[in-house]
Structure formats: structure tokens, C-alpha cells
Amino acid sequence: MRFEDLEVWKRSARLSAEIYKGLAGVRDYGFRDQITRSSLSVPSNIAEGVERRSGKDRQRYMDIALGSCGELRTQIYIGIEIGYIEKEKGTSWIAETREISAMLVGLRNNLADH
């Protein structure tokens, strides 16, 4: 299994890139740094987990990616509330994080079976 072939990795990497681009003009560097780091953590942990040898390690990294996805979703909600993220864009990003989370749960469960 190559992480580059996983749809969940592709979608989370694409979302991270969208967030980086979408928040480039935000002057609150603390917020921008935090949300971009959590967005980057999702595909990075998927990749790291897939590259691990043991099933337990793989599952652990999917759990970390799942946690980062929840963190990202929280930060998007806050970004919308404080006016850093346009509501329509943020709503789209939230929906994508929910789908990515569901995909991560499926992947984690699949790894448990192997």
C-alpha cells in the first residue's frame, strides 16, 4: 500500500493546500500557523502511518491524523466565527474534514483487520 494512492491522503493533502492558500492574507500569524499546522498534520500522519511496519503503529498514526482532523475542524469553526474564514468556504472545509474523518476511521479499522 502506497500512501500516495489513498484517496483520504489525496483529499487531506488537497485540503491542506487550500487552507494554506485561503488563509495567506490572515495577519493573525498565531491563528494562521496553528490552523495550517493542524491541516498539514492530517496527510503527514497518514503518510507516516502507512510507511510503518507494524499494524499497531499504522493504527496509532491514523488515530493521530483523526485527532488532527478534529482539531482542524474546530479551528475552522472558530475562524468563521471571528471572521477570518468566509462562511461558505469554511462550511465546505468543515464538510470535507467530516468526510476525511469518516475515511480515516474506515482505514484505521481496515488496518486492524490486517
N, C-alpha and C. Protein backbone atom coordinates (compact mmCIF):
# COMPACT_ATOMS: atom_id res chain seq x y z
N MET A 1 0.84 -1.18 0.00
CA MET A 1 0.00 0.00 0.00
C MET A 1 0.89 1.25 0.00
N ARG A 2 0.62 2.13 -0.94
CA ARG A 2 1.34 3.41 -1.01
C ARG A 2 0.39 4.52 -0.55
N PHE A 3 0.90 5.38 0.33
CA PHE A 3 0.01 6.43 0.83
C PHE A 3 -0.45 7.35 -0.29
N GLU A 4 0.38 7.52 -1.33
CA GLU A 4 0.02 8.39 -2.46
C GLU A 4 -1.21 7.89 -3.22
N ASP A 5 -1.52 6.61 -3.07
CA ASP A 5 -2.66 6.02 -3.76
C ASP A 5 -3.96 6.12 -2.96
N LEU A 6 -3.86 6.49 -1.71
CA LEU A 6 -5.04 6.54 -0.85
C LEU A 6 -5.84 7.82 -1.09
N GLU A 7 -7.12 7.66 -1.33
CA GLU A 7 -7.99 8.81 -1.56
C GLU A 7 -8.02 9.74 -0.35
N VAL A 8 -7.99 9.17 0.85
CA VAL A 8 -8.01 10.00 2.06
C VAL A 8 -6.75 10.86 2.16
N TRP A 9 -5.62 10.33 1.73
CA TRP A 9 -4.39 11.13 1.74
C TRP A 9 -4.48 12.25 0.70
N LYS A 10 -4.95 11.91 -0.49
CA LYS A 10 -5.08 12.92 -1.56
C LYS A 10 -6.01 14.05 -1.13
N ARG A 11 -7.14 13.70 -0.57
CA ARG A 11 -8.11 14.72 -0.18
C ARG A 11 -7.60 15.57 0.97
N SER A 12 -6.94 14.95 1.94
CA SER A 12 -6.44 15.73 3.07
C SER A 12 -5.27 16.63 2.65
N ALA A 13 -4.44 16.16 1.73
CA ALA A 13 -3.35 17.00 1.22
C ALA A 13 -3.90 18.17 0.42
N ARG A 14 -4.93 17.90 -0.38
CA ARG A 14 -5.58 18.96 -1.16
C ARG A 14 -6.21 20.00 -0.24
N LEU A 15 -6.88 19.54 0.81
CA LEU A 15 -7.50 20.46 1.77
C LEU A 15 -6.44 21.31 2.46
N SER A 16 -5.34 20.69 2.83
CA SER A 16 -4.26 21.45 3.47
C SER A 16 -3.76 22.56 2.55
N ALA A 17 -3.56 22.24 1.29
CA ALA A 17 -3.11 23.24 0.33
C ALA A 17 -4.14 24.36 0.18
N GLU A 18 -5.42 24.00 0.15
CA GLU A 18 -6.49 25.01 0.06
C GLU A 18 -6.47 25.94 1.26
N ILE A 19 -6.26 25.37 2.43
CA ILE A 19 -6.23 26.17 3.66
C ILE A 19 -5.03 27.11 3.65
N TYR A 20 -3.88 26.61 3.25
CA TYR A 20 -2.70 27.47 3.14
C TYR A 20 -2.99 28.65 2.21
N LYS A 21 -3.54 28.37 1.04
CA LYS A 21 -3.83 29.43 0.08
C LYS A 21 -4.92 30.37 0.59
N GLY A 22 -5.97 29.78 1.16
CA GLY A 22 -7.12 30.56 1.60
C GLY A 22 -6.83 31.49 2.77
N LEU A 23 -5.82 31.15 3.55
CA LEU A 23 -5.51 31.97 4.73
C LEU A 23 -4.22 32.77 4.59
N ALA A 24 -3.70 32.82 3.38
CA ALA A 24 -2.42 33.52 3.15
C ALA A 24 -2.48 34.99 3.59
N GLY A 25 -3.64 35.60 3.49
CA GLY A 25 -3.77 37.01 3.84
C GLY A 25 -4.11 37.28 5.29
N VAL A 26 -4.31 36.24 6.09
CA VAL A 26 -4.65 36.43 7.50
C VAL A 26 -3.41 36.93 8.24
N ARG A 27 -3.57 38.07 8.90
CA ARG A 27 -2.43 38.69 9.59
C ARG A 27 -2.22 38.17 11.00
N ASP A 28 -3.19 37.44 11.52
CA ASP A 28 -3.04 36.83 12.84
C ASP A 28 -2.18 35.58 12.65
N TYR A 29 -0.88 35.77 12.82
CA TYR A 29 0.07 34.70 12.50
C TYR A 29 -0.07 33.50 13.42
N GLY A 30 -0.46 33.73 14.67
CA GLY A 30 -0.66 32.62 15.60
C GLY A 30 -1.79 31.71 15.12
N PHE A 31 -2.91 32.31 14.75
CA PHE A 31 -4.04 31.53 14.25
C PHE A 31 -3.66 30.84 12.95
N ARG A 32 -3.09 31.60 12.04
CA ARG A 32 -2.75 31.03 10.72
C ARG A 32 -1.76 29.88 10.87
N ASP A 33 -0.77 30.05 11.74
CA ASP A 33 0.22 29.00 11.95
C ASP A 33 -0.43 27.75 12.53
N GLN A 34 -1.30 27.93 13.50
CA GLN A 34 -1.93 26.79 14.16
C GLN A 34 -2.82 26.00 13.21
N ILE A 35 -3.65 26.70 12.46
CA ILE A 35 -4.59 26.00 11.57
C ILE A 35 -3.86 25.35 10.39
N THR A 36 -2.82 25.99 9.89
CA THR A 36 -2.08 25.37 8.79
C THR A 36 -1.30 24.16 9.30
N ARG A 37 -0.78 24.24 10.52
CA ARG A 37 -0.07 23.07 11.07
C ARG A 37 -1.01 21.89 11.29
N SER A 38 -2.20 22.15 11.80
CA SER A 38 -3.12 21.03 12.01
C SER A 38 -3.57 20.45 10.67
N SER A 39 -3.76 21.32 9.65
CA SER A 39 -4.15 20.81 8.33
C SER A 39 -3.03 19.97 7.72
N LEU A 40 -1.81 20.38 7.93
CA LEU A 40 -0.66 19.65 7.40
C LEU A 40 -0.44 18.33 8.14
N SER A 41 -0.84 18.29 9.38
CA SER A 41 -0.66 17.09 10.20
C SER A 41 -1.48 15.91 9.70
N VAL A 42 -2.65 16.18 9.13
CA VAL A 42 -3.53 15.08 8.71
C VAL A 42 -2.86 14.22 7.63
N PRO A 43 -2.52 14.77 6.45
CA PRO A 43 -1.90 13.92 5.44
C PRO A 43 -0.51 13.42 5.85
N SER A 44 0.19 14.22 6.64
CA SER A 44 1.53 13.81 7.08
C SER A 44 1.47 12.56 7.96
N ASN A 45 0.50 12.51 8.87
CA ASN A 45 0.38 11.34 9.73
C ASN A 45 -0.17 10.13 8.99
N ILE A 46 -1.01 10.37 8.00
CA ILE A 46 -1.46 9.25 7.16
C ILE A 46 -0.24 8.63 6.47
N ALA A 47 0.58 9.48 5.88
CA ALA A 47 1.78 9.00 5.17
C ALA A 47 2.72 8.27 6.12
N GLU A 48 2.96 8.87 7.28
CA GLU A 48 3.87 8.23 8.23
C GLU A 48 3.33 6.90 8.70
N GLY A 49 2.03 6.84 8.96
CA GLY A 49 1.43 5.59 9.42
C GLY A 49 1.52 4.49 8.40
N VAL A 50 1.25 4.82 7.15
CA VAL A 50 1.29 3.80 6.09
C VAL A 50 2.71 3.27 5.91
N GLU A 51 3.69 4.12 6.14
CA GLU A 51 5.08 3.70 5.98
C GLU A 51 5.59 2.85 7.14
N ARG A 52 4.84 2.77 8.22
CA ARG A 52 5.24 1.96 9.38
C ARG A 52 5.04 0.49 9.10
N ARG A 53 5.83 -0.33 9.79
CA ARG A 53 5.76 -1.78 9.56
C ARG A 53 4.67 -2.46 10.37
N SER A 54 4.48 -2.05 11.60
CA SER A 54 3.53 -2.78 12.44
C SER A 54 2.13 -2.20 12.30
N GLY A 55 1.16 -3.09 12.39
CA GLY A 55 -0.23 -2.69 12.31
C GLY A 55 -0.62 -1.74 13.44
N LYS A 56 -0.05 -1.97 14.64
CA LYS A 56 -0.34 -1.09 15.77
C LYS A 56 0.15 0.32 15.50
N ASP A 57 1.36 0.44 14.94
CA ASP A 57 1.89 1.76 14.59
C ASP A 57 1.01 2.44 13.54
N ARG A 58 0.61 1.68 12.55
CA ARG A 58 -0.24 2.24 11.50
C ARG A 58 -1.55 2.77 12.09
N GLN A 59 -2.15 1.98 12.94
CA GLN A 59 -3.40 2.41 13.58
C GLN A 59 -3.17 3.67 14.43
N ARG A 60 -2.08 3.70 15.16
CA ARG A 60 -1.78 4.84 16.02
C ARG A 60 -1.68 6.13 15.21
N TYR A 61 -1.01 6.07 14.06
CA TYR A 61 -0.87 7.26 13.24
C TYR A 61 -2.19 7.67 12.60
N MET A 62 -3.06 6.71 12.31
CA MET A 62 -4.40 7.08 11.80
C MET A 62 -5.19 7.77 12.91
N ASP A 63 -5.00 7.32 14.16
CA ASP A 63 -5.65 7.98 15.29
C ASP A 63 -5.14 9.41 15.44
N ILE A 64 -3.85 9.61 15.27
CA ILE A 64 -3.27 10.96 15.35
C ILE A 64 -3.84 11.84 14.23
N ALA A 65 -3.91 11.29 13.02
CA ALA A 65 -4.48 12.04 11.89
C ALA A 65 -5.93 12.40 12.17
N LEU A 66 -6.68 11.47 12.75
CA LEU A 66 -8.07 11.70 13.09
C LEU A 66 -8.19 12.83 14.12
N GLY A 67 -7.33 12.81 15.12
CA GLY A 67 -7.32 13.87 16.12
C GLY A 67 -6.99 15.22 15.51
N SER A 68 -6.03 15.24 14.61
CA SER A 68 -5.66 16.48 13.92
C SER A 68 -6.80 17.00 13.06
N CYS A 69 -7.55 16.08 12.49
CA CYS A 69 -8.70 16.47 11.66
C CYS A 69 -9.77 17.13 12.53
N GLY A 70 -10.00 16.60 13.72
CA GLY A 70 -10.93 17.23 14.65
C GLY A 70 -10.44 18.59 15.11
N GLU A 71 -9.15 18.69 15.36
CA GLU A 71 -8.56 19.97 15.74
C GLU A 71 -8.74 20.99 14.61
N LEU A 72 -8.49 20.56 13.39
CA LEU A 72 -8.65 21.43 12.24
C LEU A 72 -10.09 21.91 12.10
N ARG A 73 -11.03 20.99 12.26
CA ARG A 73 -12.44 21.35 12.13
C ARG A 73 -12.81 22.40 13.19
N THR A 74 -12.33 22.23 14.41
CA THR A 74 -12.57 23.21 15.48
C THR A 74 -12.02 24.58 15.10
N GLN A 75 -10.82 24.60 14.56
CA GLN A 75 -10.20 25.88 14.19
C GLN A 75 -10.94 26.54 13.03
N ILE A 76 -11.49 25.75 12.14
CA ILE A 76 -12.29 26.32 11.04
C ILE A 76 -13.54 26.98 11.62
N TYR A 77 -14.22 26.29 12.54
CA TYR A 77 -15.40 26.88 13.18
C TYR A 77 -15.04 28.22 13.82
N ILE A 78 -13.94 28.24 14.54
CA ILE A 78 -13.53 29.47 15.22
C ILE A 78 -13.16 30.54 14.19
N GLY A 79 -12.46 30.14 13.13
CA GLY A 79 -12.09 31.08 12.07
C GLY A 79 -13.30 31.72 11.42
N ILE A 80 -14.36 30.95 11.24
CA ILE A 80 -15.61 31.50 10.69
C ILE A 80 -16.19 32.50 11.69
N GLU A 81 -16.24 32.10 12.95
CA GLU A 81 -16.85 32.93 14.00
C GLU A 81 -16.15 34.28 14.16
N ILE A 82 -14.83 34.29 14.01
CA ILE A 82 -14.09 35.55 14.22
C ILE A 82 -13.86 36.30 12.91
N GLY A 83 -14.39 35.77 11.82
CA GLY A 83 -14.33 36.49 10.56
C GLY A 83 -13.07 36.30 9.74
N TYR A 84 -12.25 35.32 10.10
CA TYR A 84 -11.04 35.04 9.32
C TYR A 84 -11.33 34.17 8.11
N ILE A 85 -12.40 33.38 8.21
CA ILE A 85 -12.75 32.45 7.14
C ILE A 85 -14.17 32.78 6.69
N GLU A 86 -14.32 32.98 5.40
CA GLU A 86 -15.64 33.22 4.80
C GLU A 86 -16.54 32.01 5.09
N LYS A 87 -17.78 32.28 5.48
CA LYS A 87 -18.68 31.21 5.92
C LYS A 87 -18.85 30.11 4.87
N GLU A 88 -19.05 30.48 3.62
CA GLU A 88 -19.25 29.47 2.58
C GLU A 88 -18.03 28.57 2.42
N LYS A 89 -16.86 29.19 2.40
CA LYS A 89 -15.62 28.41 2.27
C LYS A 89 -15.43 27.52 3.50
N GLY A 90 -15.65 28.10 4.68
CA GLY A 90 -15.48 27.34 5.92
C GLY A 90 -16.42 26.17 6.02
N THR A 91 -17.66 26.37 5.59
CA THR A 91 -18.64 25.29 5.61
C THR A 91 -18.20 24.14 4.70
N SER A 92 -17.64 24.49 3.57
CA SER A 92 -17.12 23.48 2.64
C SER A 92 -15.95 22.72 3.28
N TRP A 93 -15.06 23.46 3.92
CA TRP A 93 -13.91 22.83 4.59
C TRP A 93 -14.37 21.92 5.73
N ILE A 94 -15.37 22.35 6.48
CA ILE A 94 -15.89 21.53 7.58
C ILE A 94 -16.46 20.23 7.03
N ALA A 95 -17.23 20.31 5.96
CA ALA A 95 -17.79 19.11 5.35
C ALA A 95 -16.68 18.16 4.90
N GLU A 96 -15.63 18.72 4.32
CA GLU A 96 -14.51 17.89 3.87
C GLU A 96 -13.81 17.23 5.05
N THR A 97 -13.64 17.95 6.16
CA THR A 97 -12.99 17.32 7.33
C THR A 97 -13.85 16.20 7.89
N ARG A 98 -15.17 16.34 7.83
CA ARG A 98 -16.05 15.26 8.31
C ARG A 98 -15.88 14.01 7.44
N GLU A 99 -15.82 14.22 6.13
CA GLU A 99 -15.65 13.07 5.23
C GLU A 99 -14.28 12.43 5.41
N ILE A 100 -13.26 13.26 5.57
CA ILE A 100 -11.91 12.73 5.80
C ILE A 100 -11.88 11.93 7.10
N SER A 101 -12.52 12.45 8.15
CA SER A 101 -12.57 11.72 9.43
C SER A 101 -13.21 10.35 9.25
N ALA A 102 -14.33 10.31 8.54
CA ALA A 102 -15.00 9.02 8.30
C ALA A 102 -14.10 8.07 7.52
N MET A 103 -13.39 8.59 6.53
CA MET A 103 -12.47 7.77 5.75
C MET A 103 -11.34 7.24 6.63
N LEU A 104 -10.85 8.08 7.54
CA LEU A 104 -9.77 7.66 8.45
C LEU A 104 -10.23 6.55 9.39
N VAL A 105 -11.46 6.65 9.87
CA VAL A 105 -11.99 5.60 10.73
C VAL A 105 -12.05 4.28 9.94
N GLY A 106 -12.52 4.35 8.70
CA GLY A 106 -12.56 3.15 7.87
C GLY A 106 -11.17 2.57 7.61
N LEU A 107 -10.22 3.45 7.33
CA LEU A 107 -8.85 2.99 7.08
C LEU A 107 -8.26 2.37 8.35
N ARG A 108 -8.48 3.02 9.48
CA ARG A 108 -7.95 2.50 10.74
C ARG A 108 -8.53 1.12 11.02
N ASN A 109 -9.84 0.98 10.82
CA ASN A 109 -10.49 -0.32 11.05
C ASN A 109 -9.98 -1.38 10.08
N ASN A 110 -9.72 -0.99 8.84
CA ASN A 110 -9.17 -1.90 7.84
C ASN A 110 -7.76 -2.36 8.26
N LEU A 111 -6.98 -1.43 8.79
CA LEU A 111 -5.63 -1.79 9.23
C LEU A 111 -5.68 -2.74 10.44
N ALA A 112 -6.73 -2.62 11.24
CA ALA A 112 -6.88 -3.51 12.41
C ALA A 112 -7.11 -4.94 11.97
N ASP A 113 -7.71 -5.10 10.78
CA ASP A 113 -8.00 -6.44 10.27
C ASP A 113 -6.79 -7.11 9.65
N HIS A 114 -5.71 -6.35 9.45
CA HIS A 114 -4.52 -6.92 8.78
C HIS A 114 -3.34 -7.00 9.70
